[in-house]
Amino acid sequence: MFEHFFQCPYCWEEISMLLDTSISKQTYVEDCEVCCNPIEITPIFQAQELIGFEADSLEQ
């Protein structure tokens, strides 16, 4: 597991999430721990190193 810090795309607060380094690319939805809005998380790992990360709002 890998802890990653980033800004929420809704409230702009810095939050952290634990990411699973065993899966090279994944996309899932987690709620912000501050404002509770859903965030689409897409981490990309290579050799268990984080090489890409996106945190996007689900607003249309």
C-alpha atoms as a PDB file:
ATOM      1  CA  MET A   1       0.000   0.000   0.000  1.00  0.00           C
ATOM      2  CA  PHE A   2       1.078   3.538  -0.757  1.00  0.00           C
ATOM      3  CA  GLU A   3      -0.247   6.731   0.888  1.00  0.00           C
ATOM      4  CA  HIS A   4      -0.774   9.564  -1.596  1.00  0.00           C
ATOM      5  CA  PHE A   5      -1.720  13.180  -0.764  1.00  0.00           C
ATOM      6  CA  PHE A   6      -3.696  15.345  -3.224  1.00  0.00           C
ATOM      7  CA  GLN A   7      -6.290  18.138  -3.371  1.00  0.00           C
ATOM      8  CA  CYS A   8      -9.983  17.350  -3.498  1.00  0.00           C
ATOM      9  CA  PRO A   9     -11.455  18.623  -6.810  1.00  0.00           C
ATOM     10  CA  TYR A  10     -14.513  19.951  -4.932  1.00  0.00           C
ATOM     11  CA  CYS A  11     -13.342  21.592  -1.683  1.00  0.00           C
ATOM     12  CA  TRP A  12      -9.592  21.902  -2.514  1.00  0.00           C
ATOM     13  CA  GLU A  13      -8.588  20.500   0.879  1.00  0.00           C
ATOM     14  CA  GLU A  14      -5.531  18.265   0.962  1.00  0.00           C
ATOM     15  CA  ILE A  15      -6.550  14.676   1.615  1.00  0.00           C
ATOM     16  CA  SER A  16      -4.759  11.343   1.513  1.00  0.00           C
ATOM     17  CA  MET A  17      -5.693   7.896   0.305  1.00  0.00           C
ATOM     18  CA  LEU A  18      -4.058   4.507   0.521  1.00  0.00           C
ATOM     19  CA  LEU A  19      -3.423   3.132  -2.957  1.00  0.00           C
ATOM     20  CA  ASP A  20      -2.876  -0.529  -3.866  1.00  0.00           C
ATOM     21  CA  THR A  21       0.499  -0.779  -5.630  1.00  0.00           C
ATOM     22  CA  SER A  22      -0.111  -4.371  -6.788  1.00  0.00           C
ATOM     23  CA  ILE A  23      -2.475  -3.268  -9.604  1.00  0.00           C
ATOM     24  CA  SER A  24      -0.742  -1.273 -12.363  1.00  0.00           C
ATOM     25  CA  LYS A  25      -3.780   0.797 -13.470  1.00  0.00           C
ATOM     26  CA  GLN A  26      -7.116   1.101 -11.753  1.00  0.00           C
ATOM     27  CA  THR A  27     -10.085   3.462 -11.595  1.00  0.00           C
ATOM     28  CA  TYR A  28     -12.513   3.662  -8.707  1.00  0.00           C
ATOM     29  CA  VAL A  29     -14.641   6.165  -6.772  1.00  0.00           C
ATOM     30  CA  GLU A  30     -13.932   7.276  -3.197  1.00  0.00           C
ATOM     31  CA  ASP A  31     -15.657   9.992  -1.176  1.00  0.00           C
ATOM     32  CA  CYS A  32     -13.630  12.992   0.023  1.00  0.00           C
ATOM     33  CA  GLU A  33     -12.959  12.646   3.753  1.00  0.00           C
ATOM     34  CA  VAL A  34     -13.662  16.390   4.214  1.00  0.00           C
ATOM     35  CA  CYS A  35     -16.668  17.277   2.005  1.00  0.00           C
ATOM     36  CA  CYS A  36     -17.945  13.723   1.249  1.00  0.00           C
ATOM     37  CA  ASN A  37     -18.270  14.320  -2.509  1.00  0.00           C
ATOM     38  CA  PRO A  38     -17.373  11.411  -4.841  1.00  0.00           C
ATOM     39  CA  ILE A  39     -13.928  11.539  -6.487  1.00  0.00           C
ATOM     40  CA  GLU A  40     -12.901   9.337  -9.419  1.00  0.00           C
ATOM     41  CA  ILE A  41      -9.404   8.090  -8.559  1.00  0.00           C
ATOM     42  CA  THR A  42      -7.051   6.762 -11.269  1.00  0.00           C
ATOM     43  CA  PRO A  43      -3.576   5.790 -10.060  1.00  0.00           C
ATOM     44  CA  ILE A  44      -1.010   4.249 -12.419  1.00  0.00           C
ATOM     45  CA  PHE A  45       1.881   2.196 -11.055  1.00  0.00           C
ATOM     46  CA  GLN A  46       4.957   0.766 -12.744  1.00  0.00           C
ATOM     47  CA  ALA A  47       7.128  -1.630 -10.729  1.00  0.00           C
ATOM     48  CA  GLN A  48       5.074  -0.547  -7.682  1.00  0.00           C
ATOM     49  CA  GLU A  49       6.102   3.110  -8.168  1.00  0.00           C
ATOM     50  CA  LEU A  50       3.384   5.726  -8.719  1.00  0.00           C
ATOM     51  CA  ILE A  51       3.916   7.183 -12.216  1.00  0.00           C
ATOM     52  CA  GLY A  52       0.510   8.810 -12.769  1.00  0.00           C
ATOM     53  CA  PHE A  53      -2.426   9.982 -10.689  1.00  0.00           C
ATOM     54  CA  GLU A  54      -5.755  11.674 -11.454  1.00  0.00           C
ATOM     55  CA  ALA A  55      -8.466  12.753  -9.018  1.00  0.00           C
ATOM     56  CA  ASP A  56     -11.509  14.043 -10.891  1.00  0.00           C
ATOM     57  CA  SER A  57     -14.938  15.249  -9.833  1.00  0.00           C
ATOM     58  CA  LEU A  58     -17.954  13.310 -11.083  1.00  0.00           C
ATOM     59  CA  GLU A  59     -19.900  16.461 -11.963  1.00  0.00           C
ATOM     60  CA  GLN A  60     -21.111  16.614 -15.539  1.00  0.00           C
END
